[in-house]
Amino acid sequence: MPTDSETIICEPSFKDIFSLPFLFERAIQTDFSFYSDQVKKRIIRKNSLLRLFFARLRKHRILLVAKTAEKCVGLIISSCNANIGVIHWLFVLPEYRGKKIGFNLVKKSEDELQKQGCHKITLTTEIAPEFYKGLGYLEEGVLKKHWWKKDFTIMSKMV
């Protein structure tokens, strides 16, 4: 069992799936407060317990968690379609940031996407382009004042 200072990156157990909707709610509250209430509800509904359970079962969908002392403190959801990987969500609880958890989640997801035959990974971020640049992602473009009047950065990386 990991101590509070040890973090493991793994597929979520069926028990872990029950804590993941909480992580989405925290993400919406802490990092995405600019979303409208309607959008927040939609994101939480799209990442309900049932949908996360089925995402875990899909072969092209990669769902990984970061666990510290048996507590899920981060997650990443990605997928591979037509040999292009997409990172859909990455979130680490604020109190666990600065410990390379996000870095390790992305690296493990990249490894899994490569195993599925992906040669490129793309993502869109409205809050963390510098984080992804530090991981070797290149900016492909910026959608100015896109949704919610936020700039969205389109990024990619060859793997």
N, C-alpha and C. Protein backbone atom coordinates (compact mmCIF):
# COMPACT_ATOMS: atom_id res chain seq x y z
N MET A 1 0.84 -1.18 0.00
CA MET A 1 0.00 0.00 0.00
C MET A 1 0.88 1.24 0.00
N PRO A 2 0.62 2.19 -0.94
CA PRO A 2 1.47 3.38 -0.98
C PRO A 2 1.22 4.29 0.22
N THR A 3 2.26 4.95 0.65
CA THR A 3 2.10 5.96 1.69
C THR A 3 1.64 7.24 1.03
N ASP A 4 1.40 8.28 1.83
CA ASP A 4 0.93 9.53 1.27
C ASP A 4 1.94 10.13 0.31
N SER A 5 3.22 9.82 0.47
CA SER A 5 4.23 10.37 -0.42
C SER A 5 4.40 9.53 -1.69
N GLU A 6 3.87 8.31 -1.70
CA GLU A 6 3.97 7.44 -2.87
C GLU A 6 2.69 7.53 -3.69
N THR A 7 2.85 7.64 -4.98
CA THR A 7 1.68 7.67 -5.86
C THR A 7 1.89 6.62 -6.94
N ILE A 8 0.84 5.84 -7.17
CA ILE A 8 0.90 4.86 -8.25
C ILE A 8 -0.09 5.28 -9.34
N ILE A 9 0.28 5.00 -10.57
CA ILE A 9 -0.58 5.26 -11.72
C ILE A 9 -1.06 3.90 -12.21
N CYS A 10 -2.37 3.73 -12.31
CA CYS A 10 -2.91 2.42 -12.68
C CYS A 10 -4.32 2.58 -13.25
N GLU A 11 -4.82 1.49 -13.80
CA GLU A 11 -6.23 1.46 -14.19
C GLU A 11 -7.04 1.47 -12.90
N PRO A 12 -8.17 2.13 -12.90
CA PRO A 12 -8.97 2.14 -11.68
C PRO A 12 -9.61 0.78 -11.43
N SER A 13 -9.63 0.39 -10.18
CA SER A 13 -10.38 -0.81 -9.82
C SER A 13 -11.87 -0.47 -9.90
N PHE A 14 -12.70 -1.48 -9.84
CA PHE A 14 -14.14 -1.20 -9.85
C PHE A 14 -14.52 -0.36 -8.63
N LYS A 15 -13.85 -0.57 -7.52
CA LYS A 15 -14.09 0.24 -6.32
C LYS A 15 -13.68 1.70 -6.56
N ASP A 16 -12.56 1.92 -7.25
CA ASP A 16 -12.08 3.27 -7.54
C ASP A 16 -13.08 4.06 -8.39
N ILE A 17 -13.79 3.38 -9.29
CA ILE A 17 -14.73 4.05 -10.18
C ILE A 17 -15.71 4.90 -9.39
N PHE A 18 -16.07 4.45 -8.18
CA PHE A 18 -17.05 5.18 -7.38
C PHE A 18 -16.53 6.56 -6.93
N SER A 19 -15.22 6.75 -6.87
CA SER A 19 -14.68 8.04 -6.43
C SER A 19 -14.45 9.01 -7.59
N LEU A 20 -14.51 8.53 -8.83
CA LEU A 20 -14.18 9.39 -9.97
C LEU A 20 -15.17 10.51 -10.22
N PRO A 21 -16.48 10.31 -10.06
CA PRO A 21 -17.38 11.47 -10.23
C PRO A 21 -17.02 12.61 -9.28
N PHE A 22 -16.55 12.28 -8.08
CA PHE A 22 -16.11 13.31 -7.13
C PHE A 22 -14.95 14.12 -7.73
N LEU A 23 -14.01 13.44 -8.40
CA LEU A 23 -12.89 14.16 -9.01
C LEU A 23 -13.38 15.12 -10.09
N PHE A 24 -14.38 14.71 -10.88
CA PHE A 24 -14.92 15.61 -11.89
C PHE A 24 -15.59 16.82 -11.24
N GLU A 25 -16.32 16.58 -10.17
CA GLU A 25 -16.96 17.70 -9.48
C GLU A 25 -15.91 18.67 -8.93
N ARG A 26 -14.83 18.15 -8.36
CA ARG A 26 -13.75 19.03 -7.87
C ARG A 26 -13.10 19.79 -9.02
N ALA A 27 -12.89 19.12 -10.15
CA ALA A 27 -12.29 19.79 -11.30
C ALA A 27 -13.15 20.97 -11.74
N ILE A 28 -14.44 20.73 -11.81
CA ILE A 28 -15.36 21.79 -12.23
C ILE A 28 -15.34 22.95 -11.23
N GLN A 29 -15.29 22.64 -9.96
CA GLN A 29 -15.30 23.68 -8.93
C GLN A 29 -13.99 24.46 -8.88
N THR A 30 -12.87 23.79 -9.06
CA THR A 30 -11.58 24.46 -8.85
C THR A 30 -10.98 25.05 -10.10
N ASP A 31 -10.97 24.32 -11.20
CA ASP A 31 -10.27 24.77 -12.41
C ASP A 31 -11.19 25.28 -13.51
N PHE A 32 -12.44 24.94 -13.44
CA PHE A 32 -13.36 25.29 -14.52
C PHE A 32 -14.56 26.08 -14.02
N SER A 33 -14.31 26.94 -13.06
CA SER A 33 -15.41 27.72 -12.49
C SER A 33 -16.02 28.69 -13.49
N PHE A 34 -15.31 28.96 -14.58
CA PHE A 34 -15.82 29.87 -15.61
C PHE A 34 -16.91 29.23 -16.46
N TYR A 35 -17.09 27.89 -16.36
CA TYR A 35 -18.16 27.24 -17.10
C TYR A 35 -19.51 27.71 -16.55
N SER A 36 -20.50 27.78 -17.40
CA SER A 36 -21.85 28.10 -16.95
C SER A 36 -22.39 26.92 -16.14
N ASP A 37 -23.40 27.16 -15.35
CA ASP A 37 -24.00 26.08 -14.56
C ASP A 37 -24.52 24.97 -15.46
N GLN A 38 -25.06 25.33 -16.61
CA GLN A 38 -25.57 24.33 -17.56
C GLN A 38 -24.43 23.43 -18.06
N VAL A 39 -23.31 24.03 -18.39
CA VAL A 39 -22.16 23.26 -18.87
C VAL A 39 -21.61 22.38 -17.75
N LYS A 40 -21.52 22.91 -16.55
CA LYS A 40 -21.04 22.11 -15.41
C LYS A 40 -21.91 20.87 -15.22
N LYS A 41 -23.22 21.06 -15.25
CA LYS A 41 -24.13 19.92 -15.08
C LYS A 41 -23.94 18.90 -16.20
N ARG A 42 -23.76 19.39 -17.43
CA ARG A 42 -23.57 18.48 -18.57
C ARG A 42 -22.29 17.66 -18.42
N ILE A 43 -21.20 18.31 -18.01
CA ILE A 43 -19.93 17.60 -17.83
C ILE A 43 -20.04 16.57 -16.73
N ILE A 44 -20.66 16.93 -15.64
CA ILE A 44 -20.83 15.98 -14.54
C ILE A 44 -21.71 14.82 -14.98
N ARG A 45 -22.77 15.10 -15.74
CA ARG A 45 -23.65 14.04 -16.23
C ARG A 45 -22.90 13.13 -17.20
N LYS A 46 -22.09 13.74 -18.10
CA LYS A 46 -21.33 12.94 -19.08
C LYS A 46 -20.27 12.08 -18.41
N ASN A 47 -19.89 12.41 -17.20
CA ASN A 47 -18.88 11.65 -16.48
C ASN A 47 -19.48 11.03 -15.22
N SER A 48 -20.69 10.56 -15.37
CA SER A 48 -21.39 9.91 -14.27
C SER A 48 -20.72 8.57 -13.95
N LEU A 49 -21.09 8.03 -12.84
CA LEU A 49 -20.56 6.73 -12.41
C LEU A 49 -20.77 5.67 -13.50
N LEU A 50 -21.96 5.61 -14.05
CA LEU A 50 -22.27 4.60 -15.06
C LEU A 50 -21.41 4.79 -16.31
N ARG A 51 -21.28 6.01 -16.78
CA ARG A 51 -20.48 6.27 -18.00
C ARG A 51 -19.01 5.99 -17.75
N LEU A 52 -18.50 6.32 -16.57
CA LEU A 52 -17.10 6.03 -16.26
C LEU A 52 -16.87 4.52 -16.15
N PHE A 53 -17.84 3.82 -15.62
CA PHE A 53 -17.74 2.36 -15.54
C PHE A 53 -17.62 1.76 -16.94
N PHE A 54 -18.47 2.21 -17.86
CA PHE A 54 -18.41 1.68 -19.22
C PHE A 54 -17.16 2.15 -19.96
N ALA A 55 -16.68 3.35 -19.67
CA ALA A 55 -15.43 3.82 -20.28
C ALA A 55 -14.28 2.90 -19.89
N ARG A 56 -14.31 2.42 -18.66
CA ARG A 56 -13.26 1.52 -18.18
C ARG A 56 -13.25 0.22 -18.98
N LEU A 57 -14.41 -0.19 -19.48
CA LEU A 57 -14.52 -1.46 -20.19
C LEU A 57 -14.18 -1.35 -21.68
N ARG A 58 -14.23 -0.16 -22.26
CA ARG A 58 -13.96 0.00 -23.68
C ARG A 58 -12.47 -0.14 -23.97
N LYS A 59 -12.15 -0.88 -25.02
CA LYS A 59 -10.76 -1.15 -25.34
C LYS A 59 -10.02 0.07 -25.87
N HIS A 60 -10.69 0.92 -26.65
CA HIS A 60 -10.01 2.08 -27.23
C HIS A 60 -9.92 3.25 -26.24
N ARG A 61 -10.61 3.15 -25.12
CA ARG A 61 -10.62 4.23 -24.12
C ARG A 61 -9.63 3.87 -23.02
N ILE A 62 -8.79 4.83 -22.66
CA ILE A 62 -7.82 4.61 -21.59
C ILE A 62 -8.23 5.47 -20.41
N LEU A 63 -8.44 4.84 -19.30
CA LEU A 63 -8.82 5.51 -18.06
C LEU A 63 -7.81 5.10 -17.01
N LEU A 64 -7.04 6.08 -16.54
CA LEU A 64 -6.01 5.84 -15.53
C LEU A 64 -6.23 6.76 -14.35
N VAL A 65 -5.85 6.28 -13.17
CA VAL A 65 -5.94 7.10 -11.97
C VAL A 65 -4.58 7.16 -11.29
N ALA A 66 -4.41 8.21 -10.50
CA ALA A 66 -3.27 8.33 -9.60
C ALA A 66 -3.81 8.06 -8.21
N LYS A 67 -3.17 7.11 -7.52
CA LYS A 67 -3.63 6.73 -6.18
C LYS A 67 -2.53 6.98 -5.16
N THR A 68 -2.92 7.61 -4.09
CA THR A 68 -2.02 7.85 -2.96
C THR A 68 -2.73 7.30 -1.73
N ALA A 69 -2.09 6.35 -1.08
CA ALA A 69 -2.68 5.72 0.11
C ALA A 69 -4.11 5.28 -0.17
N GLU A 70 -4.29 4.61 -1.31
CA GLU A 70 -5.58 4.06 -1.73
C GLU A 70 -6.65 5.10 -2.04
N LYS A 71 -6.27 6.35 -2.14
CA LYS A 71 -7.21 7.42 -2.50
C LYS A 71 -6.90 7.88 -3.92
N CYS A 72 -7.91 8.00 -4.76
CA CYS A 72 -7.73 8.52 -6.11
C CYS A 72 -7.57 10.03 -6.01
N VAL A 73 -6.42 10.52 -6.47
CA VAL A 73 -6.12 11.96 -6.38
C VAL A 73 -5.97 12.60 -7.76
N GLY A 74 -6.04 11.80 -8.80
CA GLY A 74 -5.93 12.31 -10.16
C GLY A 74 -6.45 11.31 -11.16
N LEU A 75 -6.75 11.78 -12.35
CA LEU A 75 -7.22 10.89 -13.40
C LEU A 75 -6.88 11.47 -14.76
N ILE A 76 -6.82 10.58 -15.73
CA ILE A 76 -6.67 10.97 -17.12
C ILE A 76 -7.55 10.05 -17.94
N ILE A 77 -8.21 10.63 -18.93
CA ILE A 77 -9.02 9.86 -19.86
C ILE A 77 -8.52 10.20 -21.25
N SER A 78 -8.18 9.16 -22.01
CA SER A 78 -7.71 9.34 -23.38
C SER A 78 -8.27 8.23 -24.24
N SER A 79 -8.11 8.38 -25.54
CA SER A 79 -8.59 7.34 -26.45
C SER A 79 -7.73 7.34 -27.71
N CYS A 80 -7.82 6.24 -28.45
CA CYS A 80 -7.09 6.08 -29.70
C CYS A 80 -8.08 5.72 -30.79
N ASN A 81 -8.13 6.55 -31.81
CA ASN A 81 -8.98 6.28 -32.97
C ASN A 81 -8.15 6.58 -34.21
N ALA A 82 -8.12 5.63 -35.14
CA ALA A 82 -7.39 5.79 -36.40
C ALA A 82 -5.94 6.19 -36.15
N ASN A 83 -5.32 5.60 -35.15
CA ASN A 83 -3.92 5.81 -34.80
C ASN A 83 -3.59 7.22 -34.32
N ILE A 84 -4.60 7.98 -33.95
CA ILE A 84 -4.41 9.29 -33.35
C ILE A 84 -4.98 9.23 -31.94
N GLY A 85 -4.14 9.57 -30.97
CA GLY A 85 -4.60 9.59 -29.59
C GLY A 85 -5.15 10.96 -29.23
N VAL A 86 -6.10 10.96 -28.32
CA VAL A 86 -6.69 12.20 -27.83
C VAL A 86 -6.72 12.15 -26.31
N ILE A 87 -6.18 13.16 -25.68
CA ILE A 87 -6.33 13.30 -24.23
C ILE A 87 -7.59 14.13 -24.01
N HIS A 88 -8.57 13.53 -23.37
CA HIS A 88 -9.86 14.19 -23.15
C HIS A 88 -9.88 14.96 -21.83
N TRP A 89 -9.36 14.36 -20.78
CA TRP A 89 -9.39 14.97 -19.44
C TRP A 89 -8.12 14.62 -18.68
N LEU A 90 -7.62 15.58 -17.96
CA LEU A 90 -6.54 15.37 -17.00
C LEU A 90 -6.86 16.25 -15.81
N PHE A 91 -6.86 15.65 -14.64
CA PHE A 91 -7.13 16.43 -13.43
C PHE A 91 -6.39 15.81 -12.25
N VAL A 92 -5.78 16.68 -11.46
CA VAL A 92 -5.14 16.28 -10.21
C VAL A 92 -5.70 17.20 -9.13
N LEU A 93 -6.09 16.62 -8.01
CA LEU A 93 -6.60 17.44 -6.91
C LEU A 93 -5.59 18.53 -6.57
N PRO A 94 -6.05 19.75 -6.33
CA PRO A 94 -5.12 20.86 -6.07
C PRO A 94 -4.11 20.58 -4.98
N GLU A 95 -4.52 19.91 -3.93
CA GLU A 95 -3.60 19.65 -2.82
C GLU A 95 -2.52 18.63 -3.15
N TYR A 96 -2.61 17.98 -4.31
CA TYR A 96 -1.60 16.99 -4.73
C TYR A 96 -0.79 17.47 -5.94
N ARG A 97 -0.99 18.69 -6.34
CA ARG A 97 -0.23 19.22 -7.48
C ARG A 97 1.20 19.55 -7.06
N GLY A 98 2.06 19.63 -8.07
CA GLY A 98 3.47 19.92 -7.80
C GLY A 98 4.26 18.70 -7.38
N LYS A 99 3.68 17.51 -7.54
CA LYS A 99 4.34 16.26 -7.15
C LYS A 99 4.54 15.33 -8.35
N LYS A 100 4.46 15.90 -9.57
CA LYS A 100 4.65 15.17 -10.83
C LYS A 100 3.54 14.14 -11.11
N ILE A 101 2.41 14.26 -10.43
CA ILE A 101 1.32 13.32 -10.66
C ILE A 101 0.73 13.52 -12.06
N GLY A 102 0.47 14.76 -12.45
CA GLY A 102 -0.04 15.02 -13.79
C GLY A 102 0.93 14.55 -14.86
N PHE A 103 2.21 14.84 -14.65
CA PHE A 103 3.27 14.40 -15.56
C PHE A 103 3.22 12.88 -15.71
N ASN A 104 3.15 12.16 -14.59
CA ASN A 104 3.15 10.69 -14.64
C ASN A 104 1.87 10.14 -15.27
N LEU A 105 0.74 10.79 -15.05
CA LEU A 105 -0.50 10.36 -15.70
C LEU A 105 -0.39 10.50 -17.21
N VAL A 106 0.13 11.64 -17.67
CA VAL A 106 0.27 11.85 -19.12
C VAL A 106 1.24 10.85 -19.71
N LYS A 107 2.39 10.65 -19.07
CA LYS A 107 3.39 9.71 -19.60
C LYS A 107 2.83 8.29 -19.71
N LYS A 108 2.13 7.84 -18.68
CA LYS A 108 1.54 6.49 -18.70
C LYS A 108 0.47 6.40 -19.79
N SER A 109 -0.33 7.45 -19.95
CA SER A 109 -1.35 7.46 -20.99
C SER A 109 -0.69 7.42 -22.38
N GLU A 110 0.39 8.19 -22.56
CA GLU A 110 1.12 8.17 -23.84
C GLU A 110 1.63 6.76 -24.14
N ASP A 111 2.17 6.08 -23.13
CA ASP A 111 2.65 4.70 -23.32
C ASP A 111 1.51 3.78 -23.76
N GLU A 112 0.37 3.91 -23.11
CA GLU A 112 -0.78 3.06 -23.45
C GLU A 112 -1.31 3.38 -24.85
N LEU A 113 -1.33 4.66 -25.22
CA LEU A 113 -1.77 5.04 -26.56
C LEU A 113 -0.83 4.49 -27.63
N GLN A 114 0.48 4.52 -27.35
CA GLN A 114 1.45 3.93 -28.28
C GLN A 114 1.20 2.44 -28.45
N LYS A 115 0.89 1.74 -27.36
CA LYS A 115 0.61 0.30 -27.44
C LYS A 115 -0.60 0.03 -28.34
N GLN A 116 -1.52 0.99 -28.41
CA GLN A 116 -2.70 0.83 -29.26
C GLN A 116 -2.43 1.27 -30.70
N GLY A 117 -1.20 1.69 -30.99
CA GLY A 117 -0.82 2.04 -32.35
C GLY A 117 -0.85 3.52 -32.68
N CYS A 118 -1.03 4.36 -31.68
CA CYS A 118 -1.06 5.81 -31.94
C CYS A 118 0.35 6.33 -32.22
N HIS A 119 0.44 7.21 -33.20
CA HIS A 119 1.71 7.85 -33.51
C HIS A 119 1.68 9.35 -33.20
N LYS A 120 0.51 9.86 -32.90
CA LYS A 120 0.34 11.27 -32.57
C LYS A 120 -0.73 11.38 -31.49
N ILE A 121 -0.55 12.34 -30.59
CA ILE A 121 -1.53 12.60 -29.54
C ILE A 121 -1.91 14.07 -29.61
N THR A 122 -3.20 14.32 -29.55
CA THR A 122 -3.69 15.69 -29.59
C THR A 122 -4.52 15.99 -28.34
N LEU A 123 -4.68 17.26 -28.09
CA LEU A 123 -5.53 17.71 -26.98
C LEU A 123 -5.89 19.16 -27.19
N THR A 124 -6.87 19.59 -26.48
CA THR A 124 -7.27 21.00 -26.46
C THR A 124 -7.34 21.40 -25.00
N THR A 125 -6.73 22.52 -24.67
CA THR A 125 -6.74 22.98 -23.28
C THR A 125 -7.05 24.46 -23.20
N GLU A 126 -7.83 24.80 -22.21
CA GLU A 126 -8.13 26.21 -21.98
C GLU A 126 -7.44 26.72 -20.72
N ILE A 127 -6.75 25.84 -19.99
CA ILE A 127 -6.16 26.28 -18.72
C ILE A 127 -4.69 25.91 -18.53
N ALA A 128 -4.14 25.00 -19.32
CA ALA A 128 -2.81 24.50 -18.98
C ALA A 128 -1.86 24.32 -20.16
N PRO A 129 -1.81 25.24 -21.13
CA PRO A 129 -0.90 25.00 -22.26
C PRO A 129 0.57 24.92 -21.85
N GLU A 130 0.99 25.66 -20.87
CA GLU A 130 2.41 25.63 -20.45
C GLU A 130 2.78 24.27 -19.86
N PHE A 131 1.86 23.66 -19.13
CA PHE A 131 2.10 22.33 -18.59
C PHE A 131 2.39 21.34 -19.72
N TYR A 132 1.55 21.36 -20.75
CA TYR A 132 1.73 20.43 -21.86
C TYR A 132 2.97 20.75 -22.69
N LYS A 133 3.29 22.03 -22.83
CA LYS A 133 4.53 22.40 -23.53
C LYS A 133 5.74 21.79 -22.83
N GLY A 134 5.71 21.76 -21.50
CA GLY A 134 6.77 21.15 -20.72
C GLY A 134 6.89 19.65 -20.93
N LEU A 135 5.84 19.04 -21.45
CA LEU A 135 5.84 17.61 -21.75
C LEU A 135 6.14 17.32 -23.22
N GLY A 136 6.50 18.37 -23.96
CA GLY A 136 6.87 18.18 -25.36
C GLY A 136 5.75 18.40 -26.36
N TYR A 137 4.60 18.85 -25.91
CA TYR A 137 3.50 19.12 -26.84
C TYR A 137 3.74 20.46 -27.52
N LEU A 138 3.37 20.52 -28.79
CA LEU A 138 3.54 21.74 -29.58
C LEU A 138 2.17 22.36 -29.83
N GLU A 139 2.17 23.67 -29.82
CA GLU A 139 0.94 24.40 -30.09
C GLU A 139 0.67 24.37 -31.58
N GLU A 140 -0.52 23.91 -31.96
CA GLU A 140 -0.92 23.88 -33.37
C GLU A 140 -1.80 25.07 -33.72
N GLY A 141 -2.40 25.66 -32.72
CA GLY A 141 -3.27 26.80 -32.98
C GLY A 141 -3.98 27.22 -31.72
N VAL A 142 -4.59 28.38 -31.79
CA VAL A 142 -5.37 28.90 -30.66
C VAL A 142 -6.73 29.32 -31.19
N LEU A 143 -7.76 28.85 -30.55
CA LEU A 143 -9.12 29.27 -30.87
C LEU A 143 -9.45 30.42 -29.92
N LYS A 144 -9.37 31.64 -30.43
CA LYS A 144 -9.56 32.84 -29.62
C LYS A 144 -11.02 32.98 -29.19
N LYS A 145 -11.19 33.24 -27.92
CA LYS A 145 -12.53 33.49 -27.36
C LYS A 145 -13.52 32.42 -27.83
N HIS A 146 -13.10 31.18 -27.73
CA HIS A 146 -13.90 30.04 -28.19
C HIS A 146 -15.07 29.86 -27.23
N TRP A 147 -15.26 28.67 -26.69
CA TRP A 147 -16.35 28.47 -25.75
C TRP A 147 -16.09 29.28 -24.48
N TRP A 148 -17.13 29.75 -23.88
CA TRP A 148 -17.09 30.50 -22.62
C TRP A 148 -16.15 31.70 -22.69
N LYS A 149 -15.94 32.22 -23.90
CA LYS A 149 -15.06 33.37 -24.14
C LYS A 149 -13.64 33.13 -23.64
N LYS A 150 -13.21 31.87 -23.70
CA LYS A 150 -11.86 31.47 -23.31
C LYS A 150 -11.07 31.10 -24.55
N ASP A 151 -9.76 31.35 -24.50
CA ASP A 151 -8.87 30.89 -25.56
C ASP A 151 -8.58 29.41 -25.34
N PHE A 152 -8.74 28.62 -26.38
CA PHE A 152 -8.46 27.19 -26.33
C PHE A 152 -7.22 26.94 -27.18
N THR A 153 -6.23 26.28 -26.61
CA THR A 153 -5.00 25.96 -27.32
C THR A 153 -5.07 24.53 -27.81
N ILE A 154 -4.86 24.33 -29.09
CA ILE A 154 -4.81 23.01 -29.69
C ILE A 154 -3.35 22.58 -29.70
N MET A 155 -3.06 21.41 -29.15
CA MET A 155 -1.68 20.95 -29.01
C MET A 155 -1.56 19.52 -29.50
N SER A 156 -0.35 19.14 -29.88
CA SER A 156 -0.10 17.76 -30.29
C SER A 156 1.35 17.38 -30.04
N LYS A 157 1.57 16.09 -30.11
CA LYS A 157 2.90 15.51 -29.90
C LYS A 157 3.00 14.22 -30.71
N MET A 158 4.11 14.07 -31.40
CA MET A 158 4.38 12.81 -32.09
C MET A 158 5.01 11.87 -31.06
N VAL A 159 4.57 10.62 -31.06
CA VAL A 159 5.12 9.64 -30.11
C VAL A 159 5.67 8.43 -30.84
